[in-house]
Amino acid sequence: MNEARQPLPEIDDGTLVRELPIINRKGLHARATAKFVQCVEQFAADVTVSRAGETVGGTSIMGILTLGAGIGSTIIVTARGKEAAEVLDALEALIANRFGEDE
């Protein structure tokens, strides 16, 4: 990931926000989205995902698929809860690893 990237500030209610670029060739397709949701479900945090003015729950495979996040797009992930920072770190690592897909 780009080390110069600055995390977005914490929102007053404790919500953390991070912009994550989609870098894998197929974008957030069904298999990648399932891995994203499985990652979110491991943490005690409420997560939402936004793109192009649309926001969906971070545990909704269908919702995330409707965002149409292809390669080169950026999603905005918000997390709130006791493991908000941890879930954002895990999602960033998952995306940076291209969802474990061979490219």
C-alpha atoms as a PDB file:
ATOM      1  CA  MET A   1       0.000   0.000   0.000  1.00  0.00           C
ATOM      2  CA  ASN A   2       1.034   3.601  -0.411  1.00  0.00           C
ATOM      3  CA  GLU A   3       2.820   4.585   2.788  1.00  0.00           C
ATOM      4  CA  ALA A   4       2.090   8.275   2.138  1.00  0.00           C
ATOM      5  CA  ARG A   5      -1.646   7.619   2.499  1.00  0.00           C
ATOM      6  CA  GLN A   6      -3.119   9.418   5.468  1.00  0.00           C
ATOM      7  CA  PRO A   7      -5.987   7.764   7.317  1.00  0.00           C
ATOM      8  CA  LEU A   8      -9.203   9.717   7.251  1.00  0.00           C
ATOM      9  CA  PRO A   9     -10.006  11.310  10.593  1.00  0.00           C
ATOM     10  CA  GLU A  10     -12.114   9.698  13.257  1.00  0.00           C
ATOM     11  CA  ILE A  11     -15.703  10.929  13.252  1.00  0.00           C
ATOM     12  CA  ASP A  12     -16.849  12.408  16.573  1.00  0.00           C
ATOM     13  CA  ASP A  13     -18.931   9.354  17.505  1.00  0.00           C
ATOM     14  CA  GLY A  14     -15.914   7.034  17.363  1.00  0.00           C
ATOM     15  CA  THR A  15     -16.475   5.904  13.792  1.00  0.00           C
ATOM     16  CA  LEU A  16     -13.262   5.311  11.840  1.00  0.00           C
ATOM     17  CA  VAL A  17     -13.131   5.866   8.097  1.00  0.00           C
ATOM     18  CA  ARG A  18     -10.670   4.552   5.533  1.00  0.00           C
ATOM     19  CA  GLU A  19     -10.473   4.864   1.747  1.00  0.00           C
ATOM     20  CA  LEU A  20      -9.368   1.592   0.166  1.00  0.00           C
ATOM     21  CA  PRO A  21      -8.408   1.303  -3.511  1.00  0.00           C
ATOM     22  CA  ILE A  22      -9.482  -1.878  -5.282  1.00  0.00           C
ATOM     23  CA  ILE A  23      -6.378  -3.259  -6.998  1.00  0.00           C
ATOM     24  CA  ASN A  24      -7.223  -6.837  -7.927  1.00  0.00           C
ATOM     25  CA  ARG A  25      -7.976  -7.462 -11.590  1.00  0.00           C
ATOM     26  CA  LYS A  26     -11.585  -8.606 -11.103  1.00  0.00           C
ATOM     27  CA  GLY A  27     -12.550  -6.023  -8.483  1.00  0.00           C
ATOM     28  CA  LEU A  28     -15.109  -6.866  -5.818  1.00  0.00           C
ATOM     29  CA  HIS A  29     -16.618  -9.877  -7.576  1.00  0.00           C
ATOM     30  CA  ALA A  30     -18.571 -12.590  -5.726  1.00  0.00           C
ATOM     31  CA  ARG A  31     -15.639 -14.575  -4.323  1.00  0.00           C
ATOM     32  CA  ALA A  32     -13.715 -11.464  -3.226  1.00  0.00           C
ATOM     33  CA  THR A  33     -16.854 -10.002  -1.682  1.00  0.00           C
ATOM     34  CA  ALA A  34     -17.480 -13.213   0.266  1.00  0.00           C
ATOM     35  CA  LYS A  35     -13.941 -12.975   1.683  1.00  0.00           C
ATOM     36  CA  PHE A  36     -14.547  -9.307   2.556  1.00  0.00           C
ATOM     37  CA  VAL A  37     -17.745 -10.198   4.448  1.00  0.00           C
ATOM     38  CA  GLN A  38     -16.066 -13.136   6.230  1.00  0.00           C
ATOM     39  CA  CYS A  39     -13.327 -10.771   7.365  1.00  0.00           C
ATOM     40  CA  VAL A  40     -15.830  -8.214   8.690  1.00  0.00           C
ATOM     41  CA  GLU A  41     -17.755 -10.897  10.592  1.00  0.00           C
ATOM     42  CA  GLN A  42     -14.645 -11.799  12.629  1.00  0.00           C
ATOM     43  CA  PHE A  43     -14.634  -8.451  14.443  1.00  0.00           C
ATOM     44  CA  ALA A  44     -16.818  -6.673  16.988  1.00  0.00           C
ATOM     45  CA  ALA A  45     -17.519  -3.666  14.784  1.00  0.00           C
ATOM     46  CA  ASP A  46     -20.315  -2.274  12.648  1.00  0.00           C
ATOM     47  CA  VAL A  47     -19.003  -1.751   9.117  1.00  0.00           C
ATOM     48  CA  THR A  48     -20.437   0.052   6.109  1.00  0.00           C
ATOM     49  CA  VAL A  49     -19.042   0.317   2.598  1.00  0.00           C
ATOM     50  CA  SER A  50     -19.639   3.263   0.266  1.00  0.00           C
ATOM     51  CA  ARG A  51     -18.912   4.018  -3.364  1.00  0.00           C
ATOM     52  CA  ALA A  52     -20.335   6.609  -5.745  1.00  0.00           C
ATOM     53  CA  GLY A  53     -22.852   7.882  -3.196  1.00  0.00           C
ATOM     54  CA  GLU A  54     -24.228   4.448  -2.279  1.00  0.00           C
ATOM     55  CA  THR A  55     -23.718   2.920   1.174  1.00  0.00           C
ATOM     56  CA  VAL A  56     -24.324  -0.710   2.143  1.00  0.00           C
ATOM     57  CA  GLY A  57     -23.712  -2.907   5.163  1.00  0.00           C
ATOM     58  CA  GLY A  58     -20.312  -4.538   5.419  1.00  0.00           C
ATOM     59  CA  THR A  59     -21.860  -7.968   5.954  1.00  0.00           C
ATOM     60  CA  SER A  60     -24.137  -7.840   2.898  1.00  0.00           C
ATOM     61  CA  ILE A  61     -22.651  -9.751  -0.015  1.00  0.00           C
ATOM     62  CA  MET A  62     -25.423  -8.617  -2.349  1.00  0.00           C
ATOM     63  CA  GLY A  63     -25.163  -5.028  -1.165  1.00  0.00           C
ATOM     64  CA  ILE A  64     -21.412  -4.870  -1.718  1.00  0.00           C
ATOM     65  CA  LEU A  65     -21.767  -6.454  -5.156  1.00  0.00           C
ATOM     66  CA  THR A  66     -24.247  -3.734  -6.159  1.00  0.00           C
ATOM     67  CA  LEU A  67     -21.553  -1.106  -5.592  1.00  0.00           C
ATOM     68  CA  GLY A  68     -19.803  -2.306  -8.745  1.00  0.00           C
ATOM     69  CA  ALA A  69     -16.326  -1.695  -7.346  1.00  0.00           C
ATOM     70  CA  GLY A  70     -13.994  -2.710 -10.149  1.00  0.00           C
ATOM     71  CA  ILE A  71     -10.247  -2.421 -10.454  1.00  0.00           C
ATOM     72  CA  GLY A  72      -9.105   1.155  -9.983  1.00  0.00           C
ATOM     73  CA  SER A  73     -12.140   2.203  -7.974  1.00  0.00           C
ATOM     74  CA  THR A  74     -12.000   3.280  -4.342  1.00  0.00           C
ATOM     75  CA  ILE A  75     -14.375   2.211  -1.602  1.00  0.00           C
ATOM     76  CA  ILE A  76     -14.897   4.095   1.633  1.00  0.00           C
ATOM     77  CA  VAL A  77     -15.152   1.774   4.614  1.00  0.00           C
ATOM     78  CA  THR A  78     -16.452   3.002   7.953  1.00  0.00           C
ATOM     79  CA  ALA A  79     -16.237   1.017  11.160  1.00  0.00           C
ATOM     80  CA  ARG A  80     -17.570   1.647  14.629  1.00  0.00           C
ATOM     81  CA  GLY A  81     -17.138  -0.484  17.714  1.00  0.00           C
ATOM     82  CA  LYS A  82     -14.451  -1.838  19.980  1.00  0.00           C
ATOM     83  CA  GLU A  83     -12.574  -3.502  17.096  1.00  0.00           C
ATOM     84  CA  ALA A  84     -13.105  -0.769  14.498  1.00  0.00           C
ATOM     85  CA  ALA A  85      -9.391  -0.132  13.920  1.00  0.00           C
ATOM     86  CA  GLU A  86      -8.641  -3.846  13.744  1.00  0.00           C
ATOM     87  CA  VAL A  87     -11.315  -4.586  11.138  1.00  0.00           C
ATOM     88  CA  LEU A  88     -10.112  -1.705   8.968  1.00  0.00           C
ATOM     89  CA  ASP A  89      -6.522  -2.959   9.195  1.00  0.00           C
ATOM     90  CA  ALA A  90      -7.632  -6.496   8.295  1.00  0.00           C
ATOM     91  CA  LEU A  91      -9.694  -5.291   5.324  1.00  0.00           C
ATOM     92  CA  GLU A  92      -6.844  -3.139   4.076  1.00  0.00           C
ATOM     93  CA  ALA A  93      -4.500  -6.149   4.250  1.00  0.00           C
ATOM     94  CA  LEU A  94      -7.047  -8.387   2.489  1.00  0.00           C
ATOM     95  CA  ILE A  95      -7.436  -5.914  -0.361  1.00  0.00           C
ATOM     96  CA  ALA A  96      -3.668  -5.270  -0.581  1.00  0.00           C
ATOM     97  CA  ASN A  97      -3.215  -9.048  -0.905  1.00  0.00           C
ATOM     98  CA  ARG A  98      -5.724  -9.003  -3.800  1.00  0.00           C
ATOM     99  CA  PHE A  99      -8.063 -11.236  -1.784  1.00  0.00           C
ATOM    100  CA  GLY A 100      -5.519 -14.057  -2.060  1.00  0.00           C
ATOM    101  CA  GLU A 101      -6.210 -14.455  -5.770  1.00  0.00           C
ATOM    102  CA  ASP A 102      -3.633 -15.404  -8.367  1.00  0.00           C
ATOM    103  CA  GLU A 103      -3.306 -12.588 -10.854  1.00  0.00           C
END
